[in-house]
Amino acid sequence: MTVPPLTIEVVTHVLGSLDHCSHCQIFLDRAGLGEKIHTEDLQAYPPDWWEEWQQFSDVIFSLTERFAGRLVIRVTDAQSPRGLWLALRRRIRRYPAFLVGDDMHQGLDEVSLTRMIETHLP
């Protein structure tokens, strides 16, 4: 009997670039400018945001290696409607917030996060 993977929802601020209206975006992409504009948008973030994003990415990759095939990680932007709803409902005060069932871990302490995940795995 196969055990279904554990789903972890992570609410965090997601770095991204905004698209223009669909007609303009097609024009920009065909003109070869779309990627350049997105790159410039992403480079406008402050260095400390990039450092935090890199730390977050490192934790996610570490978890997927450690628990290979046993986790499904769903990342939700904290500024999306769902992210705002979860922040209110679950009383999230720090990001990233890792949600597993009724448990929540806030921050990037991988050791305590791993312990929380292990309590939910068979």
PDB file of N, CA and C in Angstrom:
ATOM      1  N   MET A   1       0.830  -1.172   0.000  1.00  0.00           N
ATOM      2  CA  MET A   1       0.000   0.000   0.000  1.00  0.00           C
ATOM      3  C   MET A   1       0.883   1.248   0.000  1.00  0.00           C
ATOM      4  N   THR A   2       0.628   2.151  -0.894  1.00  0.00           N
ATOM      5  CA  THR A   2       1.431   3.350  -1.029  1.00  0.00           C
ATOM      6  C   THR A   2       0.905   4.464  -0.123  1.00  0.00           C
ATOM      7  N   VAL A   3       1.813   5.112   0.593  1.00  0.00           N
ATOM      8  CA  VAL A   3       1.453   6.216   1.475  1.00  0.00           C
ATOM      9  C   VAL A   3       1.489   7.503   0.657  1.00  0.00           C
ATOM     10  N   PRO A   4       0.410   8.296   0.685  1.00  0.00           N
ATOM     11  CA  PRO A   4       0.421   9.546  -0.081  1.00  0.00           C
ATOM     12  C   PRO A   4       1.431  10.529   0.511  1.00  0.00           C
ATOM     13  N   PRO A   5       2.006  11.381  -0.321  1.00  0.00           N
ATOM     14  CA  PRO A   5       2.991  12.339   0.188  1.00  0.00           C
ATOM     15  C   PRO A   5       2.337  13.370   1.115  1.00  0.00           C
ATOM     16  N   LEU A   6       3.138  13.901   2.017  1.00  0.00           N
ATOM     17  CA  LEU A   6       2.710  14.929   2.949  1.00  0.00           C
ATOM     18  C   LEU A   6       2.715  16.276   2.225  1.00  0.00           C
ATOM     19  N   THR A   7       1.619  17.012   2.319  1.00  0.00           N
ATOM     20  CA  THR A   7       1.544  18.323   1.679  1.00  0.00           C
ATOM     21  C   THR A   7       1.922  19.403   2.679  1.00  0.00           C
ATOM     22  N   ILE A   8       2.855  20.242   2.271  1.00  0.00           N
ATOM     23  CA  ILE A   8       3.293  21.380   3.071  1.00  0.00           C
ATOM     24  C   ILE A   8       2.971  22.630   2.272  1.00  0.00           C
ATOM     25  N   GLU A   9       2.245  23.543   2.875  1.00  0.00           N
ATOM     26  CA  GLU A   9       1.978  24.820   2.216  1.00  0.00           C
ATOM     27  C   GLU A   9       2.889  25.856   2.855  1.00  0.00           C
ATOM     28  N   VAL A  10       3.612  26.560   2.008  1.00  0.00           N
ATOM     29  CA  VAL A  10       4.540  27.576   2.479  1.00  0.00           C
ATOM     30  C   VAL A  10       4.015  28.933   2.032  1.00  0.00           C
ATOM     31  N   VAL A  11       3.757  29.792   3.001  1.00  0.00           N
ATOM     32  CA  VAL A  11       3.317  31.153   2.700  1.00  0.00           C
ATOM     33  C   VAL A  11       4.529  32.057   2.857  1.00  0.00           C
ATOM     34  N   THR A  12       4.891  32.744   1.793  1.00  0.00           N
ATOM     35  CA  THR A  12       6.066  33.599   1.816  1.00  0.00           C
ATOM     36  C   THR A  12       5.934  34.697   0.770  1.00  0.00           C
ATOM     37  N   HIS A  13       6.813  35.663   0.865  1.00  0.00           N
ATOM     38  CA  HIS A  13       6.855  36.696  -0.166  1.00  0.00           C
ATOM     39  C   HIS A  13       7.604  36.115  -1.361  1.00  0.00           C
ATOM     40  N   VAL A  14       6.995  36.186  -2.525  1.00  0.00           N
ATOM     41  CA  VAL A  14       7.576  35.612  -3.733  1.00  0.00           C
ATOM     42  C   VAL A  14       8.098  36.739  -4.608  1.00  0.00           C
ATOM     43  N   LEU A  15       9.364  36.622  -4.989  1.00  0.00           N
ATOM     44  CA  LEU A  15       9.932  37.614  -5.906  1.00  0.00           C
ATOM     45  C   LEU A  15       9.375  37.349  -7.292  1.00  0.00           C
ATOM     46  N   GLY A  16       9.019  38.376  -7.977  1.00  0.00           N
ATOM     47  CA  GLY A  16       8.463  38.182  -9.310  1.00  0.00           C
ATOM     48  C   GLY A  16       8.449  39.459 -10.102  1.00  0.00           C
ATOM     49  N   SER A  17       8.059  39.324 -11.322  1.00  0.00           N
ATOM     50  CA  SER A  17       7.978  40.442 -12.251  1.00  0.00           C
ATOM     51  C   SER A  17       6.556  40.492 -12.771  1.00  0.00           C
ATOM     52  N   LEU A  18       6.048  41.681 -12.944  1.00  0.00           N
ATOM     53  CA  LEU A  18       4.685  41.832 -13.439  1.00  0.00           C
ATOM     54  C   LEU A  18       4.660  41.784 -14.956  1.00  0.00           C
ATOM     55  N   ASP A  19       3.657  41.120 -15.482  1.00  0.00           N
ATOM     56  CA  ASP A  19       3.429  41.146 -16.920  1.00  0.00           C
ATOM     57  C   ASP A  19       2.626  42.393 -17.258  1.00  0.00           C
ATOM     58  N   HIS A  20       2.766  42.812 -18.480  1.00  0.00           N
ATOM     59  CA  HIS A  20       1.962  43.922 -18.974  1.00  0.00           C
ATOM     60  C   HIS A  20       0.646  43.342 -19.485  1.00  0.00           C
ATOM     61  N   CYS A  21      -0.217  44.176 -20.033  1.00  0.00           N
ATOM     62  CA  CYS A  21      -1.452  43.633 -20.581  1.00  0.00           C
ATOM     63  C   CYS A  21      -1.091  42.573 -21.623  1.00  0.00           C
ATOM     64  N   SER A  22      -2.000  41.652 -21.858  1.00  0.00           N
ATOM     65  CA  SER A  22      -1.677  40.505 -22.717  1.00  0.00           C
ATOM     66  C   SER A  22      -1.256  40.928 -24.121  1.00  0.00           C
ATOM     67  N   HIS A  23      -1.864  41.971 -24.661  1.00  0.00           N
ATOM     68  CA  HIS A  23      -1.493  42.422 -26.007  1.00  0.00           C
ATOM     69  C   HIS A  23      -0.085  43.012 -26.015  1.00  0.00           C
ATOM     70  N   CYS A  24       0.205  43.844 -25.010  1.00  0.00           N
ATOM     71  CA  CYS A  24       1.536  44.455 -24.927  1.00  0.00           C
ATOM     72  C   CYS A  24       2.606  43.401 -24.668  1.00  0.00           C
ATOM     73  N   GLN A  25       2.284  42.408 -23.800  1.00  0.00           N
ATOM     74  CA  GLN A  25       3.269  41.388 -23.469  1.00  0.00           C
ATOM     75  C   GLN A  25       3.647  40.581 -24.702  1.00  0.00           C
ATOM     76  N   ILE A  26       2.678  40.262 -25.542  1.00  0.00           N
ATOM     77  CA  ILE A  26       2.978  39.536 -26.786  1.00  0.00           C
ATOM     78  C   ILE A  26       3.905  40.361 -27.660  1.00  0.00           C
ATOM     79  N   PHE A  27       3.610  41.643 -27.785  1.00  0.00           N
ATOM     80  CA  PHE A  27       4.448  42.536 -28.583  1.00  0.00           C
ATOM     81  C   PHE A  27       5.866  42.602 -28.019  1.00  0.00           C
ATOM     82  N   LEU A  28       5.986  42.773 -26.693  1.00  0.00           N
ATOM     83  CA  LEU A  28       7.306  42.861 -26.061  1.00  0.00           C
ATOM     84  C   LEU A  28       8.086  41.565 -26.222  1.00  0.00           C
ATOM     85  N   ASP A  29       7.403  40.441 -26.066  1.00  0.00           N
ATOM     86  CA  ASP A  29       8.075  39.142 -26.223  1.00  0.00           C
ATOM     87  C   ASP A  29       8.566  38.947 -27.663  1.00  0.00           C
ATOM     88  N   ARG A  30       7.725  39.278 -28.617  1.00  0.00           N
ATOM     89  CA  ARG A  30       8.126  39.105 -30.032  1.00  0.00           C
ATOM     90  C   ARG A  30       9.231  40.063 -30.423  1.00  0.00           C
ATOM     91  N   ALA A  31       9.280  41.220 -29.769  1.00  0.00           N
ATOM     92  CA  ALA A  31      10.340  42.195 -30.054  1.00  0.00           C
ATOM     93  C   ALA A  31      11.630  41.845 -29.312  1.00  0.00           C
ATOM     94  N   GLY A  32      11.568  40.781 -28.494  1.00  0.00           N
ATOM     95  CA  GLY A  32      12.757  40.354 -27.765  1.00  0.00           C
ATOM     96  C   GLY A  32      13.014  41.168 -26.509  1.00  0.00           C
ATOM     97  N   LEU A  33      12.034  41.925 -26.051  1.00  0.00           N
ATOM     98  CA  LEU A  33      12.217  42.788 -24.888  1.00  0.00           C
ATOM     99  C   LEU A  33      11.602  42.231 -23.610  1.00  0.00           C
ATOM    100  N   GLY A  34      10.710  41.262 -23.735  1.00  0.00           N
ATOM    101  CA  GLY A  34      10.003  40.733 -22.569  1.00  0.00           C
ATOM    102  C   GLY A  34      10.931  40.222 -21.488  1.00  0.00           C
ATOM    103  N   GLU A  35      11.896  39.409 -21.865  1.00  0.00           N
ATOM    104  CA  GLU A  35      12.834  38.835 -20.891  1.00  0.00           C
ATOM    105  C   GLU A  35      13.682  39.927 -20.248  1.00  0.00           C
ATOM    106  N   LYS A  36      14.098  40.904 -21.041  1.00  0.00           N
ATOM    107  CA  LYS A  36      14.912  42.008 -20.515  1.00  0.00           C
ATOM    108  C   LYS A  36      14.137  42.801 -19.470  1.00  0.00           C
ATOM    109  N   ILE A  37      12.870  43.073 -19.739  1.00  0.00           N
ATOM    110  CA  ILE A  37      12.048  43.833 -18.803  1.00  0.00           C
ATOM    111  C   ILE A  37      11.849  43.041 -17.511  1.00  0.00           C
ATOM    112  N   HIS A  38      11.602  41.736 -17.629  1.00  0.00           N
ATOM    113  CA  HIS A  38      11.429  40.905 -16.433  1.00  0.00           C
ATOM    114  C   HIS A  38      12.716  40.842 -15.621  1.00  0.00           C
ATOM    115  N   THR A  39      13.855  40.741 -16.278  1.00  0.00           N
ATOM    116  CA  THR A  39      15.142  40.716 -15.592  1.00  0.00           C
ATOM    117  C   THR A  39      15.371  42.021 -14.846  1.00  0.00           C
ATOM    118  N   GLU A  40      15.077  43.146 -15.490  1.00  0.00           N
ATOM    119  CA  GLU A  40      15.231  44.446 -14.831  1.00  0.00           C
ATOM    120  C   GLU A  40      14.297  44.563 -13.629  1.00  0.00           C
ATOM    121  N   ASP A  41      13.073  44.062 -13.761  1.00  0.00           N
ATOM    122  CA  ASP A  41      12.134  44.080 -12.637  1.00  0.00           C
ATOM    123  C   ASP A  41      12.706  43.308 -11.446  1.00  0.00           C
ATOM    124  N   LEU A  42      13.231  42.116 -11.709  1.00  0.00           N
ATOM    125  CA  LEU A  42      13.758  41.283 -10.638  1.00  0.00           C
ATOM    126  C   LEU A  42      15.013  41.877 -10.011  1.00  0.00           C
ATOM    127  N   GLN A  43      15.838  42.530 -10.816  1.00  0.00           N
ATOM    128  CA  GLN A  43      17.065  43.136 -10.285  1.00  0.00           C
ATOM    129  C   GLN A  43      16.782  44.376  -9.439  1.00  0.00           C
ATOM    130  N   ALA A  44      15.564  44.883  -9.486  1.00  0.00           N
ATOM    131  CA  ALA A  44      15.201  46.066  -8.701  1.00  0.00           C
ATOM    132  C   ALA A  44      14.971  45.728  -7.224  1.00  0.00           C
ATOM    133  N   TYR A  45      14.848  44.440  -6.891  1.00  0.00           N
ATOM    134  CA  TYR A  45      14.672  44.066  -5.484  1.00  0.00           C
ATOM    135  C   TYR A  45      15.964  44.341  -4.714  1.00  0.00           C
ATOM    136  N   PRO A  46      15.842  44.735  -3.442  1.00  0.00           N
ATOM    137  CA  PRO A  46      17.035  44.986  -2.627  1.00  0.00           C
ATOM    138  C   PRO A  46      17.816  43.705  -2.363  1.00  0.00           C
ATOM    139  N   PRO A  47      19.118  43.820  -2.131  1.00  0.00           N
ATOM    140  CA  PRO A  47      19.960  42.629  -1.901  1.00  0.00           C
ATOM    141  C   PRO A  47      19.495  41.755  -0.736  1.00  0.00           C
ATOM    142  N   ASP A  48      18.974  42.361   0.343  1.00  0.00           N
ATOM    143  CA  ASP A  48      18.555  41.528   1.479  1.00  0.00           C
ATOM    144  C   ASP A  48      17.363  40.646   1.124  1.00  0.00           C
ATOM    145  N   TRP A  49      16.499  41.093   0.196  1.00  0.00           N
ATOM    146  CA  TRP A  49      15.399  40.237  -0.275  1.00  0.00           C
ATOM    147  C   TRP A  49      15.962  39.049  -1.043  1.00  0.00           C
ATOM    148  N   TRP A  50      17.003  39.293  -1.854  1.00  0.00           N
ATOM    149  CA  TRP A  50      17.620  38.210  -2.624  1.00  0.00           C
ATOM    150  C   TRP A  50      18.284  37.201  -1.691  1.00  0.00           C
ATOM    151  N   GLU A  51      18.937  37.697  -0.631  1.00  0.00           N
ATOM    152  CA  GLU A  51      19.580  36.792   0.328  1.00  0.00           C
ATOM    153  C   GLU A  51      18.542  35.893   0.998  1.00  0.00           C
ATOM    154  N   GLU A  52      17.438  36.500   1.433  1.00  0.00           N
ATOM    155  CA  GLU A  52      16.388  35.717   2.074  1.00  0.00           C
ATOM    156  C   GLU A  52      15.778  34.710   1.101  1.00  0.00           C
ATOM    157  N   TRP A  53      15.589  35.122  -0.154  1.00  0.00           N
ATOM    158  CA  TRP A  53      15.041  34.216  -1.164  1.00  0.00           C
ATOM    159  C   TRP A  53      15.996  33.043  -1.404  1.00  0.00           C
ATOM    160  N   GLN A  54      17.310  33.322  -1.399  1.00  0.00           N
ATOM    161  CA  GLN A  54      18.295  32.255  -1.588  1.00  0.00           C
ATOM    162  C   GLN A  54      18.278  31.289  -0.413  1.00  0.00           C
ATOM    163  N   GLN A  55      18.176  31.820   0.809  1.00  0.00           N
ATOM    164  CA  GLN A  55      18.088  30.958   1.992  1.00  0.00           C
ATOM    165  C   GLN A  55      16.828  30.093   1.931  1.00  0.00           C
ATOM    166  N   PHE A  56      15.716  30.701   1.554  1.00  0.00           N
ATOM    167  CA  PHE A  56      14.460  29.972   1.415  1.00  0.00           C
ATOM    168  C   PHE A  56      14.614  28.850   0.383  1.00  0.00           C
ATOM    169  N   SER A  57      15.188  29.179  -0.772  1.00  0.00           N
ATOM    170  CA  SER A  57      15.397  28.172  -1.825  1.00  0.00           C
ATOM    171  C   SER A  57      16.279  27.030  -1.329  1.00  0.00           C
ATOM    172  N   ASP A  58      17.330  27.364  -0.588  1.00  0.00           N
ATOM    173  CA  ASP A  58      18.218  26.333  -0.060  1.00  0.00           C
ATOM    174  C   ASP A  58      17.469  25.382   0.873  1.00  0.00           C
ATOM    175  N   VAL A  59      16.602  25.924   1.728  1.00  0.00           N
ATOM    176  CA  VAL A  59      15.824  25.081   2.647  1.00  0.00           C
ATOM    177  C   VAL A  59      14.876  24.175   1.863  1.00  0.00           C
ATOM    178  N   ILE A  60      14.199  24.738   0.866  1.00  0.00           N
ATOM    179  CA  ILE A  60      13.260  23.941   0.064  1.00  0.00           C
ATOM    180  C   ILE A  60      13.992  22.803  -0.647  1.00  0.00           C
ATOM    181  N   PHE A  61      15.130  23.104  -1.287  1.00  0.00           N
ATOM    182  CA  PHE A  61      15.887  22.055  -1.973  1.00  0.00           C
ATOM    183  C   PHE A  61      16.406  21.006  -0.993  1.00  0.00           C
ATOM    184  N   SER A  62      16.825  21.431   0.180  1.00  0.00           N
ATOM    185  CA  SER A  62      17.298  20.492   1.186  1.00  0.00           C
ATOM    186  C   SER A  62      16.181  19.553   1.635  1.00  0.00           C
ATOM    187  N   LEU A  63      14.988  20.111   1.864  1.00  0.00           N
ATOM    188  CA  LEU A  63      13.848  19.283   2.271  1.00  0.00           C
ATOM    189  C   LEU A  63      13.464  18.284   1.180  1.00  0.00           C
ATOM    190  N   THR A  64      13.457  18.738  -0.075  1.00  0.00           N
ATOM    191  CA  THR A  64      13.068  17.825  -1.159  1.00  0.00           C
ATOM    192  C   THR A  64      14.100  16.716  -1.345  1.00  0.00           C
ATOM    193  N   GLU A  65      15.360  16.989  -1.025  1.00  0.00           N
ATOM    194  CA  GLU A  65      16.373  15.931  -1.091  1.00  0.00           C
ATOM    195  C   GLU A  65      16.226  14.978   0.093  1.00  0.00           C
ATOM    196  N   ARG A  66      16.076  15.529   1.284  1.00  0.00           N
ATOM    197  CA  ARG A  66      15.986  14.712   2.492  1.00  0.00           C
ATOM    198  C   ARG A  66      14.753  13.822   2.484  1.00  0.00           C
ATOM    199  N   PHE A  67      13.624  14.349   2.030  1.00  0.00           N
ATOM    200  CA  PHE A  67      12.360  13.606   2.033  1.00  0.00           C
ATOM    201  C   PHE A  67      11.898  13.300   0.607  1.00  0.00           C
ATOM    202  N   ALA A  68      12.809  12.897  -0.228  1.00  0.00           N
ATOM    203  CA  ALA A  68      12.519  12.663  -1.643  1.00  0.00           C
ATOM    204  C   ALA A  68      11.289  11.778  -1.842  1.00  0.00           C
ATOM    205  N   GLY A  69      10.330  12.298  -2.602  1.00  0.00           N
ATOM    206  CA  GLY A  69       9.127  11.554  -2.928  1.00  0.00           C
ATOM    207  C   GLY A  69       8.093  11.480  -1.809  1.00  0.00           C
ATOM    208  N   ARG A  70       8.404  12.075  -0.654  1.00  0.00           N
ATOM    209  CA  ARG A  70       7.494  11.973   0.490  1.00  0.00           C
ATOM    210  C   ARG A  70       6.777  13.291   0.794  1.00  0.00           C
ATOM    211  N   LEU A  71       7.151  14.361   0.069  1.00  0.00           N
ATOM    212  CA  LEU A  71       6.558  15.677   0.310  1.00  0.00           C
ATOM    213  C   LEU A  71       6.019  16.282  -0.973  1.00  0.00           C
ATOM    214  N   VAL A  72       4.964  17.057  -0.833  1.00  0.00           N
ATOM    215  CA  VAL A  72       4.503  17.960  -1.880  1.00  0.00           C
ATOM    216  C   VAL A  72       4.557  19.338  -1.242  1.00  0.00           C
ATOM    217  N   ILE A  73       5.350  20.223  -1.819  1.00  0.00           N
ATOM    218  CA  ILE A  73       5.509  21.562  -1.264  1.00  0.00           C
ATOM    219  C   ILE A  73       4.787  22.542  -2.171  1.00  0.00           C
ATOM    220  N   ARG A  74       3.854  23.260  -1.585  1.00  0.00           N
ATOM    221  CA  ARG A  74       3.058  24.243  -2.318  1.00  0.00           C
ATOM    222  C   ARG A  74       3.428  25.630  -1.793  1.00  0.00           C
ATOM    223  N   VAL A  75       3.947  26.482  -2.668  1.00  0.00           N
ATOM    224  CA  VAL A  75       4.354  27.825  -2.270  1.00  0.00           C
ATOM    225  C   VAL A  75       3.236  28.803  -2.626  1.00  0.00           C
ATOM    226  N   THR A  76       2.809  29.581  -1.627  1.00  0.00           N
ATOM    227  CA  THR A  76       1.752  30.562  -1.805  1.00  0.00           C
ATOM    228  C   THR A  76       2.321  31.948  -1.521  1.00  0.00           C
ATOM    229  N   ASP A  77       2.124  32.864  -2.457  1.00  0.00           N
ATOM    230  CA  ASP A  77       2.592  34.234  -2.277  1.00  0.00           C
ATOM    231  C   ASP A  77       1.813  34.885  -1.142  1.00  0.00           C
ATOM    232  N   ALA A  78       2.533  35.468  -0.200  1.00  0.00           N
ATOM    233  CA  ALA A  78       1.898  36.104   0.957  1.00  0.00           C
ATOM    234  C   ALA A  78       0.989  37.261   0.554  1.00  0.00           C
ATOM    235  N   GLN A  79       1.218  37.835  -0.619  1.00  0.00           N
ATOM    236  CA  GLN A  79       0.416  38.978  -1.056  1.00  0.00           C
ATOM    237  C   GLN A  79      -0.746  38.578  -1.958  1.00  0.00           C
ATOM    238  N   SER A  80      -0.917  37.293  -2.194  1.00  0.00           N
ATOM    239  CA  SER A  80      -2.051  36.816  -2.983  1.00  0.00           C
ATOM    240  C   SER A  80      -3.279  36.759  -2.078  1.00  0.00           C
ATOM    241  N   PRO A  81      -4.464  36.685  -2.663  1.00  0.00           N
ATOM    242  CA  PRO A  81      -5.659  36.555  -1.815  1.00  0.00           C
ATOM    243  C   PRO A  81      -5.584  35.350  -0.871  1.00  0.00           C
ATOM    244  N   ARG A  82      -5.124  34.206  -1.362  1.00  0.00           N
ATOM    245  CA  ARG A  82      -5.006  33.024  -0.500  1.00  0.00           C
ATOM    246  C   ARG A  82      -3.967  33.255   0.600  1.00  0.00           C
ATOM    247  N   GLY A  83      -2.846  33.877   0.242  1.00  0.00           N
ATOM    248  CA  GLY A  83      -1.805  34.156   1.229  1.00  0.00           C
ATOM    249  C   GLY A  83      -2.304  35.077   2.332  1.00  0.00           C
ATOM    250  N   LEU A  84      -3.051  36.099   1.964  1.00  0.00           N
ATOM    251  CA  LEU A  84      -3.616  37.009   2.957  1.00  0.00           C
ATOM    252  C   LEU A  84      -4.630  36.294   3.843  1.00  0.00           C
ATOM    253  N   TRP A  85      -5.461  35.455   3.224  1.00  0.00           N
ATOM    254  CA  TRP A  85      -6.454  34.696   3.984  1.00  0.00           C
ATOM    255  C   TRP A  85      -5.762  33.761   4.982  1.00  0.00           C
ATOM    256  N   LEU A  86      -4.720  33.057   4.536  1.00  0.00           N
ATOM    257  CA  LEU A  86      -3.995  32.154   5.432  1.00  0.00           C
ATOM    258  C   LEU A  86      -3.315  32.926   6.558  1.00  0.00           C
ATOM    259  N   ALA A  87      -2.756  34.098   6.239  1.00  0.00           N
ATOM    260  CA  ALA A  87      -2.092  34.905   7.262  1.00  0.00           C
ATOM    261  C   ALA A  87      -3.071  35.298   8.366  1.00  0.00           C
ATOM    262  N   LEU A  88      -4.269  35.666   7.974  1.00  0.00           N
ATOM    263  CA  LEU A  88      -5.288  36.033   8.960  1.00  0.00           C
ATOM    264  C   LEU A  88      -5.800  34.817   9.722  1.00  0.00           C
ATOM    265  N   ARG A  89      -6.127  33.776   8.985  1.00  0.00           N
ATOM    266  CA  ARG A  89      -6.716  32.573   9.585  1.00  0.00           C
ATOM    267  C   ARG A  89      -5.743  31.859  10.520  1.00  0.00           C
ATOM    268  N   ARG A  90      -4.479  31.760  10.102  1.00  0.00           N
ATOM    269  CA  ARG A  90      -3.479  31.013  10.876  1.00  0.00           C
ATOM    270  C   ARG A  90      -2.605  31.914  11.754  1.00  0.00           C
ATOM    271  N   ARG A  91      -2.882  33.210  11.720  1.00  0.00           N
ATOM    272  CA  ARG A  91      -2.138  34.189  12.526  1.00  0.00           C
ATOM    273  C   ARG A  91      -0.638  34.156  12.246  1.00  0.00           C
ATOM    274  N   ILE A  92      -0.310  34.201  10.986  1.00  0.00           N
ATOM    275  CA  ILE A  92       1.091  34.204  10.559  1.00  0.00           C
ATOM    276  C   ILE A  92       1.680  35.575  10.868  1.00  0.00           C
ATOM    277  N   ARG A  93       2.816  35.573  11.548  1.00  0.00           N
ATOM    278  CA  ARG A  93       3.484  36.822  11.913  1.00  0.00           C
ATOM    279  C   ARG A  93       4.842  36.985  11.246  1.00  0.00           C
ATOM    280  N   ARG A  94       5.421  35.870  10.800  1.00  0.00           N
ATOM    281  CA  ARG A  94       6.738  35.892  10.145  1.00  0.00           C
ATOM    282  C   ARG A  94       6.705  35.001   8.926  1.00  0.00           C
ATOM    283  N   TYR A  95       7.475  35.371   7.937  1.00  0.00           N
ATOM    284  CA  TYR A  95       7.566  34.587   6.707  1.00  0.00           C
ATOM    285  C   TYR A  95       8.987  34.091   6.548  1.00  0.00           C
ATOM    286  N   PRO A  96       9.145  32.939   5.927  1.00  0.00           N
ATOM    287  CA  PRO A  96       8.118  32.043   5.436  1.00  0.00           C
ATOM    288  C   PRO A  96       7.439  31.299   6.583  1.00  0.00           C
ATOM    289  N   ALA A  97       6.200  30.915   6.339  1.00  0.00           N
ATOM    290  CA  ALA A  97       5.429  30.119   7.289  1.00  0.00           C
ATOM    291  C   ALA A  97       5.125  28.782   6.628  1.00  0.00           C
ATOM    292  N   PHE A  98       5.559  27.695   7.249  1.00  0.00           N
ATOM    293  CA  PHE A  98       5.361  26.342   6.740  1.00  0.00           C
ATOM    294  C   PHE A  98       4.166  25.736   7.466  1.00  0.00           C
ATOM    295  N   LEU A  99       3.129  25.379   6.725  1.00  0.00           N
ATOM    296  CA  LEU A  99       1.896  24.861   7.301  1.00  0.00           C
ATOM    297  C   LEU A  99       1.762  23.375   6.993  1.00  0.00           C
ATOM    298  N   VAL A 100       1.647  22.586   8.053  1.00  0.00           N
ATOM    299  CA  VAL A 100       1.455  21.143   7.929  1.00  0.00           C
ATOM    300  C   VAL A 100       0.313  20.771   8.860  1.00  0.00           C
ATOM    301  N   GLY A 101      -0.843  20.471   8.276  1.00  0.00           N
ATOM    302  CA  GLY A 101      -2.011  20.191   9.108  1.00  0.00           C
ATOM    303  C   GLY A 101      -2.316  21.398   9.979  1.00  0.00           C
ATOM    304  N   ASP A 102      -2.451  21.165  11.279  1.00  0.00           N
ATOM    305  CA  ASP A 102      -2.703  22.257  12.216  1.00  0.00           C
ATOM    306  C   ASP A 102      -1.424  22.889  12.747  1.00  0.00           C
ATOM    307  N   ASP A 103      -0.274  22.337  12.384  1.00  0.00           N
ATOM    308  CA  ASP A 103       1.007  22.854  12.860  1.00  0.00           C
ATOM    309  C   ASP A 103       1.548  23.925  11.927  1.00  0.00           C
ATOM    310  N   MET A 104       2.335  24.830  12.504  1.00  0.00           N
ATOM    311  CA  MET A 104       2.957  25.883  11.710  1.00  0.00           C
ATOM    312  C   MET A 104       4.370  26.124  12.234  1.00  0.00           C
ATOM    313  N   HIS A 105       5.277  26.308  11.290  1.00  0.00           N
ATOM    314  CA  HIS A 105       6.647  26.700  11.615  1.00  0.00           C
ATOM    315  C   HIS A 105       6.930  27.994  10.865  1.00  0.00           C
ATOM    316  N   GLN A 106       7.380  29.017  11.583  1.00  0.00           N
ATOM    317  CA  GLN A 106       7.694  30.296  10.957  1.00  0.00           C
ATOM    318  C   GLN A 106       9.199  30.515  10.978  1.00  0.00           C
ATOM    319  N   GLY A 107       9.739  30.924   9.845  1.00  0.00           N
ATOM    320  CA  GLY A 107      11.169  31.170   9.750  1.00  0.00           C
ATOM    321  C   GLY A 107      11.895  30.063   9.012  1.00  0.00           C
ATOM    322  N   LEU A 108      13.227  30.177   8.988  1.00  0.00           N
ATOM    323  CA  LEU A 108      14.046  29.261   8.186  1.00  0.00           C
ATOM    324  C   LEU A 108      14.933  28.340   9.010  1.00  0.00           C
ATOM    325  N   ASP A 109      14.564  28.074  10.260  1.00  0.00           N
ATOM    326  CA  ASP A 109      15.326  27.140  11.083  1.00  0.00           C
ATOM    327  C   ASP A 109      15.025  25.724  10.597  1.00  0.00           C
ATOM    328  N   GLU A 110      15.948  25.194   9.815  1.00  0.00           N
ATOM    329  CA  GLU A 110      15.710  23.906   9.148  1.00  0.00           C
ATOM    330  C   GLU A 110      15.633  22.734  10.123  1.00  0.00           C
ATOM    331  N   VAL A 111      16.356  22.808  11.220  1.00  0.00           N
ATOM    332  CA  VAL A 111      16.354  21.705  12.184  1.00  0.00           C
ATOM    333  C   VAL A 111      14.971  21.543  12.813  1.00  0.00           C
ATOM    334  N   SER A 112      14.397  22.639  13.314  1.00  0.00           N
ATOM    335  CA  SER A 112      13.068  22.519  13.934  1.00  0.00           C
ATOM    336  C   SER A 112      11.984  22.267  12.888  1.00  0.00           C
ATOM    337  N   LEU A 113      12.164  22.789  11.687  1.00  0.00           N
ATOM    338  CA  LEU A 113      11.222  22.519  10.600  1.00  0.00           C
ATOM    339  C   LEU A 113      11.230  21.028  10.259  1.00  0.00           C
ATOM    340  N   THR A 114      12.407  20.442  10.174  1.00  0.00           N
ATOM    341  CA  THR A 114      12.535  19.014   9.883  1.00  0.00           C
ATOM    342  C   THR A 114      11.864  18.176  10.965  1.00  0.00           C
ATOM    343  N   ARG A 115      12.043  18.570  12.228  1.00  0.00           N
ATOM    344  CA  ARG A 115      11.400  17.842  13.329  1.00  0.00           C
ATOM    345  C   ARG A 115       9.878  17.885  13.182  1.00  0.00           C
ATOM    346  N   MET A 116       9.341  19.059  12.843  1.00  0.00           N
ATOM    347  CA  MET A 116       7.895  19.176  12.681  1.00  0.00           C
ATOM    348  C   MET A 116       7.408  18.267  11.550  1.00  0.00           C
ATOM    349  N   ILE A 117       8.131  18.261  10.429  1.00  0.00           N
ATOM    350  CA  ILE A 117       7.742  17.420   9.284  1.00  0.00           C
ATOM    351  C   ILE A 117       7.784  15.950   9.676  1.00  0.00           C
ATOM    352  N   GLU A 118       8.823  15.542  10.382  1.00  0.00           N
ATOM    353  CA  GLU A 118       8.960  14.136  10.771  1.00  0.00           C
ATOM    354  C   GLU A 118       7.813  13.659  11.661  1.00  0.00           C
ATOM    355  N   THR A 119       7.227  14.567  12.446  1.00  0.00           N
ATOM    356  CA  THR A 119       6.099  14.164  13.292  1.00  0.00           C
ATOM    357  C   THR A 119       4.848  13.860  12.470  1.00  0.00           C
ATOM    358  N   HIS A 120       4.800  14.355  11.231  1.00  0.00           N
ATOM    359  CA  HIS A 120       3.635  14.137  10.379  1.00  0.00           C
ATOM    360  C   HIS A 120       3.831  13.015   9.368  1.00  0.00           C
ATOM    361  N   LEU A 121       5.050  12.505   9.264  1.00  0.00           N
ATOM    362  CA  LEU A 121       5.316  11.407   8.326  1.00  0.00           C
ATOM    363  C   LEU A 121       5.176  10.060   9.026  1.00  0.00           C
ATOM    364  N   PRO A 122       4.664   9.073   8.307  1.00  0.00           N
ATOM    365  CA  PRO A 122       4.533   7.733   8.928  1.00  0.00           C
ATOM    366  C   PRO A 122       5.883   7.078   9.132  1.00  0.00           C
TER     367      PRO A 122
END
